[in-house]
N, C-alpha and C. Protein backbone atom coordinates (compact mmCIF):
# COMPACT_ATOMS: atom_id res chain seq x y z
N MET A 1 253.13 94.24 181.57
CA MET A 1 252.98 92.85 181.94
C MET A 1 253.79 92.51 183.18
N ALA A 2 254.93 93.13 183.33
CA ALA A 2 255.77 92.86 184.49
C ALA A 2 255.06 93.29 185.77
N ILE A 3 254.40 94.43 185.72
CA ILE A 3 253.66 94.90 186.89
C ILE A 3 252.51 93.96 187.19
N ALA A 4 251.80 93.52 186.17
CA ALA A 4 250.70 92.59 186.36
C ALA A 4 251.19 91.27 186.96
N ALA A 5 252.35 90.80 186.51
CA ALA A 5 252.92 89.57 187.06
C ALA A 5 253.24 89.74 188.54
N LEU A 6 253.82 90.88 188.88
CA LEU A 6 254.16 91.14 190.27
C LEU A 6 252.90 91.22 191.13
N VAL A 7 251.89 91.93 190.67
CA VAL A 7 250.65 92.07 191.43
C VAL A 7 249.98 90.71 191.60
N CYS A 8 249.92 89.92 190.55
CA CYS A 8 249.33 88.58 190.66
C CYS A 8 250.14 87.71 191.61
N GLY A 9 251.44 87.86 191.60
CA GLY A 9 252.28 87.10 192.52
C GLY A 9 252.02 87.50 193.96
N ILE A 10 251.84 88.78 194.21
CA ILE A 10 251.54 89.25 195.57
C ILE A 10 250.18 88.75 196.02
N LEU A 11 249.21 88.76 195.11
CA LEU A 11 247.85 88.35 195.46
C LEU A 11 247.67 86.84 195.53
N GLY A 12 248.65 86.09 195.06
CA GLY A 12 248.58 84.64 195.14
C GLY A 12 247.94 83.96 193.95
N VAL A 13 247.82 84.66 192.85
CA VAL A 13 247.28 84.07 191.62
C VAL A 13 248.47 83.48 190.86
N SER A 14 248.89 82.30 191.33
CA SER A 14 250.20 81.78 190.94
C SER A 14 250.34 81.49 189.45
N ALA A 15 249.39 80.82 188.85
CA ALA A 15 249.53 80.45 187.44
C ALA A 15 249.62 81.69 186.56
N VAL A 16 248.78 82.67 186.84
CA VAL A 16 248.78 83.90 186.05
C VAL A 16 250.09 84.65 186.24
N ALA A 17 250.58 84.71 187.48
CA ALA A 17 251.83 85.41 187.76
C ALA A 17 253.00 84.77 187.02
N ILE A 18 253.04 83.46 187.01
CA ILE A 18 254.12 82.75 186.33
C ILE A 18 254.07 83.00 184.82
N ILE A 19 252.89 82.86 184.25
CA ILE A 19 252.76 83.05 182.79
C ILE A 19 253.08 84.49 182.40
N LEU A 20 252.48 85.45 183.10
CA LEU A 20 252.74 86.86 182.78
C LEU A 20 254.22 87.21 182.97
N GLY A 21 254.83 86.65 184.00
CA GLY A 21 256.24 86.92 184.26
C GLY A 21 257.13 86.44 183.13
N PHE A 22 256.88 85.23 182.65
CA PHE A 22 257.70 84.71 181.56
C PHE A 22 257.45 85.47 180.26
N VAL A 23 256.19 85.83 180.00
CA VAL A 23 255.88 86.60 178.80
C VAL A 23 256.55 87.98 178.88
N ALA A 24 256.47 88.61 180.04
CA ALA A 24 257.08 89.94 180.20
C ALA A 24 258.59 89.87 180.02
N ARG A 25 259.23 88.88 180.62
CA ARG A 25 260.69 88.76 180.46
C ARG A 25 261.07 88.53 179.00
N SER A 26 260.26 87.76 178.29
CA SER A 26 260.52 87.53 176.88
C SER A 26 260.39 88.83 176.08
N GLN A 27 259.37 89.60 176.36
CA GLN A 27 259.18 90.89 175.68
C GLN A 27 260.32 91.86 175.99
N ILE A 28 260.75 91.86 177.23
CA ILE A 28 261.85 92.75 177.63
C ILE A 28 263.13 92.37 176.89
N ARG A 29 263.41 91.07 176.80
CA ARG A 29 264.60 90.62 176.07
C ARG A 29 264.52 91.00 174.60
N ARG A 30 263.34 90.81 173.99
CA ARG A 30 263.18 91.12 172.56
C ARG A 30 263.25 92.61 172.28
N SER A 31 262.96 93.44 173.28
CA SER A 31 262.96 94.90 173.06
C SER A 31 264.38 95.46 173.00
N GLY A 32 265.35 94.67 173.38
CA GLY A 32 266.73 95.13 173.35
C GLY A 32 267.05 96.17 174.41
N GLY A 33 266.34 96.12 175.51
CA GLY A 33 266.61 97.05 176.60
C GLY A 33 265.72 98.28 176.61
N VAL A 34 264.85 98.42 175.60
CA VAL A 34 263.95 99.57 175.57
C VAL A 34 262.91 99.45 176.67
N GLU A 35 262.31 98.27 176.79
CA GLU A 35 261.34 98.02 177.85
C GLU A 35 262.08 97.64 179.13
N ARG A 36 261.52 98.01 180.23
CA ARG A 36 262.12 97.71 181.53
C ARG A 36 261.15 96.90 182.37
N GLY A 37 261.61 96.46 183.53
CA GLY A 37 260.74 95.73 184.45
C GLY A 37 261.12 94.28 184.62
N GLY A 38 262.32 93.94 184.23
CA GLY A 38 262.76 92.55 184.37
C GLY A 38 262.73 92.05 185.81
N GLY A 39 263.07 92.94 186.74
CA GLY A 39 263.06 92.55 188.15
C GLY A 39 261.65 92.28 188.65
N MET A 40 260.71 93.11 188.22
CA MET A 40 259.32 92.89 188.62
C MET A 40 258.77 91.60 188.02
N ALA A 41 259.13 91.34 186.77
CA ALA A 41 258.69 90.11 186.13
C ALA A 41 259.26 88.89 186.86
N LEU A 42 260.54 88.96 187.20
CA LEU A 42 261.17 87.86 187.92
C LEU A 42 260.55 87.68 189.30
N ALA A 43 260.26 88.78 189.98
CA ALA A 43 259.61 88.69 191.29
C ALA A 43 258.24 88.04 191.17
N GLY A 44 257.50 88.37 190.11
CA GLY A 44 256.20 87.75 189.88
C GLY A 44 256.33 86.24 189.66
N ILE A 45 257.35 85.85 188.90
CA ILE A 45 257.59 84.42 188.66
C ILE A 45 257.92 83.71 189.97
N VAL A 46 258.84 84.29 190.74
CA VAL A 46 259.25 83.67 192.00
C VAL A 46 258.06 83.57 192.96
N LEU A 47 257.31 84.65 193.12
CA LEU A 47 256.15 84.62 194.00
C LEU A 47 255.11 83.61 193.52
N GLY A 48 254.94 83.52 192.22
CA GLY A 48 254.01 82.53 191.68
C GLY A 48 254.41 81.11 192.04
N PHE A 49 255.69 80.81 191.91
CA PHE A 49 256.16 79.46 192.27
C PHE A 49 256.09 79.23 193.77
N VAL A 50 256.32 80.27 194.57
CA VAL A 50 256.20 80.13 196.03
C VAL A 50 254.76 79.80 196.41
N TRP A 51 253.80 80.56 195.85
CA TRP A 51 252.39 80.28 196.13
C TRP A 51 252.00 78.89 195.65
N LEU A 52 252.51 78.49 194.51
CA LEU A 52 252.21 77.16 193.99
C LEU A 52 252.72 76.07 194.93
N ALA A 53 253.95 76.23 195.41
CA ALA A 53 254.52 75.25 196.34
C ALA A 53 253.74 75.22 197.65
N LEU A 54 253.39 76.39 198.17
CA LEU A 54 252.61 76.43 199.41
C LEU A 54 251.24 75.78 199.23
N SER A 55 250.63 75.98 198.08
CA SER A 55 249.34 75.36 197.80
C SER A 55 249.45 73.84 197.77
N LEU A 56 250.52 73.35 197.14
CA LEU A 56 250.72 71.90 197.09
C LEU A 56 250.98 71.33 198.47
N ILE A 57 251.78 72.00 199.27
CA ILE A 57 252.06 71.53 200.63
C ILE A 57 250.78 71.51 201.45
N PHE A 58 249.98 72.56 201.34
CA PHE A 58 248.72 72.64 202.08
C PHE A 58 247.77 71.52 201.65
N THR A 59 247.66 71.28 200.35
CA THR A 59 246.77 70.23 199.85
C THR A 59 247.23 68.86 200.31
N ILE A 60 248.51 68.58 200.22
CA ILE A 60 249.03 67.28 200.66
C ILE A 60 248.80 67.10 202.15
N THR A 61 249.01 68.15 202.94
CA THR A 61 248.78 68.07 204.38
C THR A 61 247.32 67.76 204.67
N LEU A 62 246.41 68.43 204.00
CA LEU A 62 244.99 68.16 204.20
C LEU A 62 244.63 66.73 203.82
N LEU A 63 245.18 66.24 202.72
CA LEU A 63 244.90 64.87 202.31
C LEU A 63 245.42 63.86 203.32
N VAL A 64 246.61 64.09 203.84
CA VAL A 64 247.18 63.17 204.85
C VAL A 64 246.34 63.21 206.12
N LEU A 65 245.95 64.39 206.55
CA LEU A 65 245.11 64.50 207.76
C LEU A 65 243.76 63.85 207.56
N ALA A 66 243.15 64.04 206.40
CA ALA A 66 241.86 63.44 206.12
C ALA A 66 241.96 61.92 206.10
N HIS A 67 243.06 61.43 205.54
CA HIS A 67 243.25 59.97 205.49
C HIS A 67 243.46 59.41 206.90
N SER A 68 244.22 60.11 207.73
CA SER A 68 244.48 59.61 209.08
C SER A 68 243.22 59.65 209.94
N VAL A 69 242.37 60.63 209.74
CA VAL A 69 241.12 60.72 210.51
C VAL A 69 240.15 59.65 210.07
N SER A 70 240.07 59.39 208.76
CA SER A 70 239.13 58.39 208.25
C SER A 70 239.56 56.95 208.57
N SER A 71 240.85 56.73 208.76
CA SER A 71 241.33 55.38 209.07
C SER A 71 241.29 55.09 210.57
N SER A 72 241.02 56.09 211.39
CA SER A 72 240.98 55.89 212.85
C SER A 72 239.66 55.34 213.30
């Protein structure tokens, strides 16, 4: 799951990366150190939130531009 979270984070599938990352980190904690990949899971979470923030910024920018063009 940690690898899947990282791959989804790299590809920009933000919601999936965030969910898989948190699930993977939870599984790793519950395994007592048997399972590894906490860094990859965390990277997937971070990349997911970065893509989410960029998407929101892009959407808000488009809405502001569309509003300014329509009011001119």
